[in-house]
Amino acid sequence: MSKNRRLARVFSNDKKTLTLALDGYYFTNKTDGIDKTISQMPELVENGLDAVLVTPGIAKKHADAFTDVGMLVRADMSTNLLDPSVPDTFYAATVEDALKLGADGVVNMTFPGADNEASSHQIARDLARASDNWNTVFMCETLPFGYPVTNEESNQASYIAAGARVGTELGADIIKTRFSGEPEDKEIVEAANAPVVALGGPKTENIIDYFAFVRHCMDVGASGVAVGRNITQNPNPAAVVAALNQIIHHHATAEEANEVYNNYSS
């Protein structure tokens, strides 16, 4: 299978993607809602879900759930699941492992500016080479200074943009990274020179605020979002997917998406 064909499973015909991040078990203990959300996959797909990010264990255990979506397997894992800063990562799956699970590609994190920058970049470079050899998709999650936002620079568009371009230079087909929420975020997309999928962002108490953030990401040129907790920890994941689908694929405003969310009935 060609890489373009696999990319077409991650992105819709409009070259945009609504991706659900279900890979939290590899880097955090805050995983409430993941298993329940997996059980609702048919409804999520019906409402516009394009792809999922999963651990190898989830891909293996729930193989039948992901037949109608693109699937990227998490190839790196935190060295300390109980440390929310994700102090370091290590190789946890190869491209060959992902292919055996039926995946369309792999994803890993890199940390430009952090102490472990070199080791995380090496994992990315190895995955990029293997992905090219096997015609699989490689998504590089570029996070300046580390996994969480810890200083002003780590959430500043110019630094995020520099990290995004490094991911592309390492060989990524897709960049996944944080957006600051400011107009300067357009620099991230311009610098990356590859499709940029915005990190889902922190879990919000008011869902319309989250919809406004996603609308902002799309307005500055993102090719979609990869959402975790704002879907899996919501009382109605399918309603969030239906609303986000309107923003990402149908140019809806935050207010219009909020109306879809509030009026949703399964």
Foldseek 3Di string as FASTA:
>chain_A
DALVVLQCQQAPPVLFAAEAELALVQAAPPRFQSVVVLVVLVLLVVLPHAEYEYELVCLVVSVVSPPRHAYAYEQKGQPDHHDNQSLDIDGDDAQVSCVVSVHQYYEYEAEAPEPCRVVRLVVLLRRLVVCVVVNGAYEYEFFYHTDDPDDPLRADLVNLLVRLCSSVVSRHQEYEYAHNLDLSVLSNVVSNVHAYAYEQDDADPDVLVSQQSQLSCVVSPHSYYHHYCNQSVDPHNSLLSNLRSCVNPVVDHSVVSVVSSVPDDD
